[in-house]
Amino acid sequence: MEAWDLVGIAAGSLTMFGFYPQIIKMYRTKLVGDLSLPMLLQYTTGIFLWLLYGIYLNNTILIVSNAVSLASFLCGIALYLKYNNKSRPADR
């Protein structure tokens, strides 16, 4: 394993799990009003394209990190759609 592979693994790990704190917060609070659906869709599309690129290159680091990231963003979009109508309490 080369040094740059370790950099790729570190970068992939940070990227894979970077959105999980937001997912946990959305799930616990059931609030998503401060999130932007276009941003979620843009990131999801970008991650999907990175996944395709990794598949094209047959690069395991790109494939795994972007597959996990894609799953997390799809989960985030699902939570956004589920809780969007509940994100603004009436007393605000």
Protein backbone atom coordinates (compact mmCIF):
# COMPACT_ATOMS: atom_id res chain seq x y z
CA MET A 1 0.00 0.00 0.00
CA GLU A 2 1.37 3.39 -1.00
CA ALA A 3 1.31 6.54 1.12
CA TRP A 4 -1.24 8.14 -1.20
CA ASP A 5 -3.55 5.17 -0.63
CA LEU A 6 -3.52 6.06 3.07
CA VAL A 7 -4.39 9.65 2.20
CA GLY A 8 -7.24 8.36 0.03
CA ILE A 9 -8.50 6.11 2.82
CA ALA A 10 -8.37 8.97 5.34
CA ALA A 11 -10.15 11.35 2.94
CA GLY A 12 -12.73 8.71 2.07
CA SER A 13 -13.39 7.95 5.73
CA LEU A 14 -13.94 11.60 6.58
CA THR A 15 -16.23 12.01 3.59
CA MET A 16 -18.14 8.80 4.24
CA PHE A 17 -19.05 9.71 7.78
CA GLY A 18 -19.12 13.50 7.53
CA PHE A 19 -22.88 13.74 7.02
CA TYR A 20 -23.86 11.26 9.75
CA PRO A 21 -23.97 13.87 12.56
CA GLN A 22 -26.53 15.81 10.51
CA ILE A 23 -28.57 12.66 9.88
CA ILE A 24 -28.60 11.89 13.60
CA LYS A 25 -29.65 15.46 14.39
CA MET A 26 -32.47 15.35 11.83
CA TYR A 27 -33.68 12.03 13.19
CA ARG A 28 -33.61 13.12 16.83
CA THR A 29 -35.09 16.60 16.43
CA LYS A 30 -37.32 15.89 13.42
CA LEU A 31 -36.38 19.39 12.22
CA VAL A 32 -34.99 20.06 8.76
CA GLY A 33 -36.02 23.66 8.13
CA ASP A 34 -32.45 24.94 8.07
CA LEU A 35 -31.39 22.46 5.37
CA SER A 36 -31.52 23.16 1.67
CA LEU A 37 -33.02 20.44 -0.53
CA PRO A 38 -31.17 21.75 -3.61
CA MET A 39 -27.88 21.42 -1.67
CA LEU A 40 -28.73 17.85 -0.68
CA LEU A 41 -29.60 16.99 -4.27
CA GLN A 42 -26.45 18.65 -5.61
CA TYR A 43 -24.19 16.77 -3.22
CA THR A 44 -26.01 13.51 -3.90
CA THR A 45 -25.58 13.96 -7.65
CA GLY A 46 -21.89 14.80 -7.22
CA ILE A 47 -21.30 11.78 -5.02
CA PHE A 48 -23.10 9.56 -7.53
CA LEU A 49 -20.86 10.87 -10.30
CA TRP A 50 -17.75 10.26 -8.16
CA LEU A 51 -19.02 6.71 -7.60
CA LEU A 52 -19.39 6.20 -11.35
CA TYR A 53 -15.89 7.59 -11.87
CA GLY A 54 -14.50 5.23 -9.23
CA ILE A 55 -16.21 2.30 -10.94
CA TYR A 56 -14.75 3.40 -14.28
CA LEU A 57 -11.26 3.56 -12.73
CA ASN A 58 -11.88 0.37 -10.74
CA ASN A 59 -10.66 2.29 -7.67
CA THR A 60 -11.82 0.57 -4.50
CA ILE A 61 -11.27 3.62 -2.29
CA LEU A 62 -13.43 5.83 -4.51
CA ILE A 63 -16.09 3.15 -4.90
CA VAL A 64 -16.47 2.32 -1.21
CA SER A 65 -16.25 5.87 0.12
CA ASN A 66 -18.71 7.25 -2.41
CA ALA A 67 -21.14 4.33 -2.08
CA VAL A 68 -21.33 4.89 1.68
CA SER A 69 -21.57 8.66 1.21
CA LEU A 70 -24.33 8.21 -1.36
CA ALA A 71 -26.28 6.03 1.07
CA SER A 72 -25.95 8.65 3.81
CA PHE A 73 -27.12 11.48 1.56
CA LEU A 74 -30.06 9.41 0.30
CA CYS A 75 -30.97 8.81 3.93
CA GLY A 76 -30.67 12.56 4.55
CA ILE A 77 -32.97 13.32 1.62
CA ALA A 78 -35.51 10.79 2.89
CA LEU A 79 -35.45 12.39 6.35
CA TYR A 80 -35.75 15.85 4.79
CA LEU A 81 -38.82 14.80 2.83
CA LYS A 82 -40.33 13.05 5.84
CA TYR A 83 -39.84 15.91 8.30
CA ASN A 84 -40.00 18.97 6.02
CA ASN A 85 -43.63 19.79 6.86
CA LYS A 86 -42.84 19.53 10.59
CA SER A 87 -39.73 21.73 10.50
CA ARG A 88 -41.41 25.06 11.39
CA PRO A 89 -43.34 24.98 14.66
CA ALA A 90 -46.42 27.26 14.68
CA ASP A 91 -45.22 29.27 17.67
CA ARG A 92 -42.17 30.68 15.86
